[in-house]
Amino acid sequence: MVVIVVIVVVLVVVAANDDTDHPPSDDVRITSCTVDSATRQATARVEIHNHSSKASTYGVSVEFVAANGTRVSEGGTLSSTVAPGQTVRTEVGGVDRVAQKVTCKVTDVTRVAS
């Protein structure tokens, strides 16, 4: 019974992300990438614009990368019930303290109709 539930959940997530006209990754962009000089926490400001036809919940993962290409931190955020055509702005904070300038990269976007 548990296996069936897991398979159904996986199929729902895959189906929700299988919109070839408007893939979830096209809905997210980083608008700024900084490291706070006092806390040493990396932060990415993210804009989510729902291009799909249904209200959706978004899960966004971001990695923070040093100049030499090494990932120095990562973080994620969840935005619930983003209406079709709506744009929301949020922040993703890294989980590790960093000592250098970083670049930010979206590594995963999950969109599930809510």
N, C-alpha and C. Protein backbone atom coordinates (compact mmCIF):
# COMPACT_ATOMS: atom_id res chain seq x y z
N MET A 1 0.82 -1.20 0.00
CA MET A 1 0.00 0.00 0.00
C MET A 1 0.86 1.26 0.00
N VAL A 2 1.90 1.27 0.79
CA VAL A 2 2.79 2.44 0.85
C VAL A 2 3.46 2.68 -0.50
N VAL A 3 3.89 1.62 -1.16
CA VAL A 3 4.53 1.75 -2.46
C VAL A 3 3.60 2.40 -3.46
N ILE A 4 2.35 2.03 -3.44
CA ILE A 4 1.36 2.62 -4.35
C ILE A 4 1.21 4.10 -4.10
N VAL A 5 1.15 4.51 -2.85
CA VAL A 5 1.02 5.93 -2.51
C VAL A 5 2.23 6.69 -3.00
N VAL A 6 3.42 6.16 -2.79
CA VAL A 6 4.64 6.82 -3.23
C VAL A 6 4.66 6.96 -4.75
N ILE A 7 4.26 5.93 -5.46
CA ILE A 7 4.22 5.97 -6.92
C ILE A 7 3.22 7.02 -7.39
N VAL A 8 2.08 7.11 -6.76
CA VAL A 8 1.07 8.10 -7.13
C VAL A 8 1.61 9.51 -6.89
N VAL A 9 2.25 9.74 -5.76
CA VAL A 9 2.81 11.06 -5.46
C VAL A 9 3.88 11.42 -6.49
N VAL A 10 4.75 10.50 -6.82
CA VAL A 10 5.78 10.75 -7.82
C VAL A 10 5.14 11.07 -9.17
N LEU A 11 4.13 10.34 -9.56
CA LEU A 11 3.46 10.59 -10.84
C LEU A 11 2.79 11.96 -10.85
N VAL A 12 2.19 12.38 -9.74
CA VAL A 12 1.56 13.70 -9.66
C VAL A 12 2.60 14.79 -9.81
N VAL A 13 3.74 14.68 -9.13
CA VAL A 13 4.80 15.68 -9.23
C VAL A 13 5.37 15.72 -10.64
N VAL A 14 5.62 14.57 -11.23
CA VAL A 14 6.15 14.52 -12.60
C VAL A 14 5.14 15.13 -13.56
N ALA A 15 3.87 14.79 -13.43
CA ALA A 15 2.84 15.35 -14.31
C ALA A 15 2.74 16.86 -14.13
N ALA A 16 2.85 17.34 -12.90
CA ALA A 16 2.77 18.78 -12.64
C ALA A 16 3.94 19.52 -13.26
N ASN A 17 5.09 18.87 -13.39
CA ASN A 17 6.27 19.50 -13.94
C ASN A 17 6.45 19.20 -15.42
N ASP A 18 5.49 18.53 -16.06
CA ASP A 18 5.63 18.09 -17.43
C ASP A 18 4.88 18.99 -18.41
N ASP A 19 4.85 20.27 -18.15
CA ASP A 19 4.21 21.24 -19.03
C ASP A 19 5.27 21.76 -19.99
N THR A 20 5.30 21.23 -21.21
CA THR A 20 6.35 21.60 -22.16
C THR A 20 6.21 23.02 -22.67
N ASP A 21 5.00 23.59 -22.67
CA ASP A 21 4.81 24.98 -23.09
C ASP A 21 5.33 25.95 -22.04
N HIS A 22 5.18 25.58 -20.78
CA HIS A 22 5.58 26.45 -19.67
C HIS A 22 6.25 25.61 -18.58
N PRO A 23 7.48 25.15 -18.81
CA PRO A 23 8.14 24.34 -17.78
C PRO A 23 8.38 25.17 -16.51
N PRO A 24 8.34 24.54 -15.34
CA PRO A 24 8.52 25.26 -14.08
C PRO A 24 9.80 26.09 -14.03
N SER A 25 10.87 25.61 -14.62
CA SER A 25 12.14 26.34 -14.57
C SER A 25 12.04 27.70 -15.26
N ASP A 26 11.13 27.84 -16.23
CA ASP A 26 10.94 29.14 -16.90
C ASP A 26 10.21 30.14 -16.01
N ASP A 27 9.62 29.68 -14.92
CA ASP A 27 8.84 30.55 -14.04
C ASP A 27 9.69 31.24 -12.97
N VAL A 28 10.96 30.88 -12.85
CA VAL A 28 11.78 31.37 -11.74
C VAL A 28 13.04 32.04 -12.26
N ARG A 29 13.36 33.21 -11.65
CA ARG A 29 14.62 33.86 -11.98
C ARG A 29 15.19 34.51 -10.72
N ILE A 30 16.50 34.55 -10.66
CA ILE A 30 17.20 35.19 -9.54
C ILE A 30 17.35 36.67 -9.89
N THR A 31 16.95 37.53 -8.95
CA THR A 31 17.05 38.98 -9.19
C THR A 31 18.24 39.59 -8.48
N SER A 32 18.77 38.93 -7.44
CA SER A 32 20.00 39.40 -6.80
C SER A 32 20.64 38.26 -6.04
N CYS A 33 21.93 38.40 -5.80
CA CYS A 33 22.71 37.36 -5.13
C CYS A 33 23.76 38.07 -4.27
N THR A 34 23.65 37.94 -2.95
CA THR A 34 24.54 38.68 -2.06
C THR A 34 25.01 37.81 -0.90
N VAL A 35 26.06 38.29 -0.23
CA VAL A 35 26.51 37.71 1.04
C VAL A 35 26.51 38.84 2.06
N ASP A 36 25.77 38.66 3.14
CA ASP A 36 25.71 39.66 4.21
C ASP A 36 27.07 39.72 4.91
N SER A 37 27.65 40.91 5.00
CA SER A 37 28.99 41.05 5.58
C SER A 37 29.01 40.75 7.07
N ALA A 38 27.92 40.92 7.78
CA ALA A 38 27.88 40.66 9.22
C ALA A 38 27.60 39.19 9.54
N THR A 39 26.59 38.61 8.88
CA THR A 39 26.20 37.23 9.20
C THR A 39 26.91 36.19 8.34
N ARG A 40 27.50 36.63 7.22
CA ARG A 40 28.16 35.75 6.25
C ARG A 40 27.18 34.76 5.62
N GLN A 41 25.91 35.11 5.59
CA GLN A 41 24.90 34.26 4.97
C GLN A 41 24.64 34.73 3.55
N ALA A 42 24.70 33.78 2.63
CA ALA A 42 24.38 34.07 1.23
C ALA A 42 22.87 34.10 1.07
N THR A 43 22.42 35.04 0.24
CA THR A 43 20.98 35.18 0.00
C THR A 43 20.73 35.45 -1.47
N ALA A 44 19.77 34.74 -2.02
CA ALA A 44 19.32 34.98 -3.39
C ALA A 44 17.90 35.52 -3.31
N ARG A 45 17.65 36.62 -3.99
CA ARG A 45 16.28 37.10 -4.15
C ARG A 45 15.74 36.46 -5.42
N VAL A 46 14.54 35.90 -5.31
CA VAL A 46 13.97 35.10 -6.39
C VAL A 46 12.60 35.66 -6.76
N GLU A 47 12.34 35.68 -8.05
CA GLU A 47 11.03 36.08 -8.56
C GLU A 47 10.40 34.86 -9.22
N ILE A 48 9.18 34.58 -8.82
CA ILE A 48 8.42 33.46 -9.38
C ILE A 48 7.22 34.03 -10.12
N HIS A 49 7.09 33.69 -11.39
CA HIS A 49 5.93 34.13 -12.18
C HIS A 49 5.24 32.88 -12.72
N ASN A 50 4.02 32.67 -12.29
CA ASN A 50 3.27 31.48 -12.67
C ASN A 50 2.74 31.63 -14.09
N HIS A 51 3.39 30.93 -15.03
CA HIS A 51 2.96 30.94 -16.43
C HIS A 51 1.91 29.85 -16.72
N SER A 52 1.63 29.00 -15.73
CA SER A 52 0.67 27.92 -15.97
C SER A 52 -0.76 28.44 -15.85
N SER A 53 -1.72 27.59 -16.15
CA SER A 53 -3.12 27.98 -16.10
C SER A 53 -3.78 27.68 -14.76
N LYS A 54 -3.01 27.15 -13.79
CA LYS A 54 -3.57 26.78 -12.49
C LYS A 54 -2.77 27.41 -11.37
N ALA A 55 -3.45 27.72 -10.26
CA ALA A 55 -2.74 28.15 -9.06
C ALA A 55 -1.78 27.03 -8.67
N SER A 56 -0.57 27.39 -8.30
CA SER A 56 0.45 26.38 -8.05
C SER A 56 1.31 26.71 -6.85
N THR A 57 1.84 25.67 -6.25
CA THR A 57 2.83 25.80 -5.19
C THR A 57 4.19 25.50 -5.80
N TYR A 58 5.17 26.34 -5.50
CA TYR A 58 6.51 26.21 -6.05
C TYR A 58 7.51 25.86 -4.97
N GLY A 59 8.37 24.90 -5.26
CA GLY A 59 9.54 24.61 -4.46
C GLY A 59 10.75 24.99 -5.28
N VAL A 60 11.63 25.84 -4.73
CA VAL A 60 12.78 26.33 -5.47
C VAL A 60 14.04 26.05 -4.66
N SER A 61 15.04 25.42 -5.31
CA SER A 61 16.34 25.17 -4.69
C SER A 61 17.39 26.02 -5.39
N VAL A 62 18.29 26.58 -4.58
CA VAL A 62 19.36 27.45 -5.10
C VAL A 62 20.68 26.98 -4.52
N GLU A 63 21.73 27.01 -5.34
CA GLU A 63 23.07 26.75 -4.83
C GLU A 63 23.88 28.03 -4.92
N PHE A 64 24.79 28.18 -3.97
CA PHE A 64 25.66 29.35 -3.90
C PHE A 64 27.07 28.86 -4.22
N VAL A 65 27.69 29.46 -5.24
CA VAL A 65 28.93 28.94 -5.80
C VAL A 65 30.04 29.99 -5.69
N ALA A 66 31.23 29.55 -5.21
CA ALA A 66 32.40 30.42 -5.12
C ALA A 66 32.98 30.64 -6.51
N ALA A 67 33.88 31.60 -6.61
CA ALA A 67 34.49 31.94 -7.90
C ALA A 67 35.21 30.76 -8.55
N ASN A 68 35.73 29.84 -7.75
CA ASN A 68 36.45 28.68 -8.30
C ASN A 68 35.50 27.55 -8.74
N GLY A 69 34.19 27.77 -8.61
CA GLY A 69 33.20 26.79 -9.05
C GLY A 69 32.72 25.84 -7.97
N THR A 70 33.23 25.98 -6.76
CA THR A 70 32.85 25.11 -5.65
C THR A 70 31.54 25.59 -5.02
N ARG A 71 30.62 24.66 -4.84
CA ARG A 71 29.38 25.01 -4.13
C ARG A 71 29.72 25.18 -2.66
N VAL A 72 29.39 26.36 -2.11
CA VAL A 72 29.72 26.64 -0.71
C VAL A 72 28.49 26.63 0.19
N SER A 73 27.31 26.65 -0.40
CA SER A 73 26.08 26.58 0.39
C SER A 73 24.92 26.29 -0.56
N GLU A 74 23.78 26.01 0.04
CA GLU A 74 22.56 25.78 -0.72
C GLU A 74 21.37 26.13 0.17
N GLY A 75 20.24 26.33 -0.44
CA GLY A 75 19.03 26.63 0.32
C GLY A 75 17.81 26.43 -0.55
N GLY A 76 16.66 26.59 0.06
CA GLY A 76 15.42 26.41 -0.68
C GLY A 76 14.29 27.22 -0.09
N THR A 77 13.23 27.34 -0.85
CA THR A 77 12.05 28.06 -0.40
C THR A 77 10.81 27.40 -1.00
N LEU A 78 9.68 27.67 -0.38
CA LEU A 78 8.39 27.16 -0.84
C LEU A 78 7.43 28.33 -0.91
N SER A 79 6.78 28.51 -2.04
CA SER A 79 5.75 29.55 -2.20
C SER A 79 4.45 28.87 -2.56
N SER A 80 3.45 29.05 -1.71
CA SER A 80 2.17 28.37 -1.88
C SER A 80 1.16 29.22 -2.63
N THR A 81 0.32 28.56 -3.39
CA THR A 81 -0.84 29.12 -4.06
C THR A 81 -0.52 30.40 -4.84
N VAL A 82 0.39 30.27 -5.79
CA VAL A 82 0.69 31.37 -6.70
C VAL A 82 -0.32 31.28 -7.85
N ALA A 83 -1.13 32.31 -7.98
CA ALA A 83 -2.21 32.32 -8.97
C ALA A 83 -1.65 32.38 -10.40
N PRO A 84 -2.42 31.91 -11.38
CA PRO A 84 -1.98 32.02 -12.77
C PRO A 84 -1.70 33.49 -13.11
N GLY A 85 -0.55 33.75 -13.71
CA GLY A 85 -0.19 35.12 -14.07
C GLY A 85 0.39 35.94 -12.94
N GLN A 86 0.33 35.45 -11.72
CA GLN A 86 0.83 36.19 -10.57
C GLN A 86 2.35 36.08 -10.46
N THR A 87 2.98 37.17 -9.98
CA THR A 87 4.41 37.18 -9.71
C THR A 87 4.60 37.38 -8.22
N VAL A 88 5.43 36.54 -7.60
CA VAL A 88 5.78 36.70 -6.19
C VAL A 88 7.28 36.83 -6.08
N ARG A 89 7.72 37.55 -5.08
CA ARG A 89 9.14 37.71 -4.81
C ARG A 89 9.43 37.16 -3.43
N THR A 90 10.52 36.42 -3.34
CA THR A 90 10.89 35.81 -2.06
C THR A 90 12.41 35.71 -1.99
N GLU A 91 12.91 35.23 -0.87
CA GLU A 91 14.35 35.07 -0.69
C GLU A 91 14.68 33.63 -0.36
N VAL A 92 15.87 33.22 -0.79
CA VAL A 92 16.41 31.91 -0.44
C VAL A 92 17.73 32.17 0.28
N GLY A 93 17.79 31.72 1.54
CA GLY A 93 19.02 31.89 2.31
C GLY A 93 19.83 30.61 2.31
N GLY A 94 21.14 30.76 2.19
CA GLY A 94 22.03 29.61 2.27
C GLY A 94 22.09 29.08 3.70
N VAL A 95 22.37 27.81 3.83
CA VAL A 95 22.40 27.18 5.16
C VAL A 95 23.77 27.26 5.80
N ASP A 96 24.80 27.63 5.04
CA ASP A 96 26.17 27.69 5.56
C ASP A 96 26.68 29.12 5.52
N ARG A 97 27.59 29.43 6.44
CA ARG A 97 28.26 30.72 6.40
C ARG A 97 29.34 30.65 5.33
N VAL A 98 29.49 31.74 4.59
CA VAL A 98 30.50 31.78 3.53
C VAL A 98 31.40 32.98 3.71
N ALA A 99 32.63 32.84 3.24
CA ALA A 99 33.61 33.90 3.45
C ALA A 99 33.99 34.64 2.17
N GLN A 100 33.31 34.36 1.07
CA GLN A 100 33.67 34.98 -0.19
C GLN A 100 32.42 35.35 -0.98
N LYS A 101 32.65 36.12 -2.03
CA LYS A 101 31.56 36.46 -2.94
C LYS A 101 31.09 35.18 -3.64
N VAL A 102 29.80 35.10 -3.92
CA VAL A 102 29.23 33.91 -4.56
C VAL A 102 28.37 34.31 -5.75
N THR A 103 28.11 33.33 -6.58
CA THR A 103 27.08 33.46 -7.60
C THR A 103 25.96 32.50 -7.20
N CYS A 104 24.76 32.78 -7.65
CA CYS A 104 23.60 31.98 -7.28
C CYS A 104 23.05 31.29 -8.53
N LYS A 105 22.64 30.05 -8.34
CA LYS A 105 22.11 29.28 -9.45
C LYS A 105 20.89 28.49 -8.98
N VAL A 106 19.78 28.61 -9.71
CA VAL A 106 18.61 27.79 -9.43
C VAL A 106 18.94 26.37 -9.87
N THR A 107 18.80 25.41 -8.95
CA THR A 107 19.14 24.02 -9.29
C THR A 107 17.91 23.14 -9.47
N ASP A 108 16.77 23.56 -8.93
CA ASP A 108 15.57 22.75 -9.08
C ASP A 108 14.34 23.61 -8.85
N VAL A 109 13.32 23.39 -9.66
CA VAL A 109 12.03 24.06 -9.49
C VAL A 109 10.96 22.99 -9.61
N THR A 110 10.11 22.92 -8.59
CA THR A 110 8.98 22.00 -8.61
C THR A 110 7.72 22.85 -8.56
N ARG A 111 6.79 22.57 -9.46
CA ARG A 111 5.50 23.28 -9.49
C ARG A 111 4.40 22.25 -9.40
N VAL A 112 3.54 22.40 -8.39
CA VAL A 112 2.43 21.48 -8.20
C VAL A 112 1.14 22.30 -8.12
N ALA A 113 0.17 21.96 -8.94
CA ALA A 113 -1.12 22.67 -8.89
C ALA A 113 -1.71 22.55 -7.50
N SER A 114 -2.14 23.70 -6.96
CA SER A 114 -2.67 23.69 -5.59
C SER A 114 -4.16 23.91 -5.55
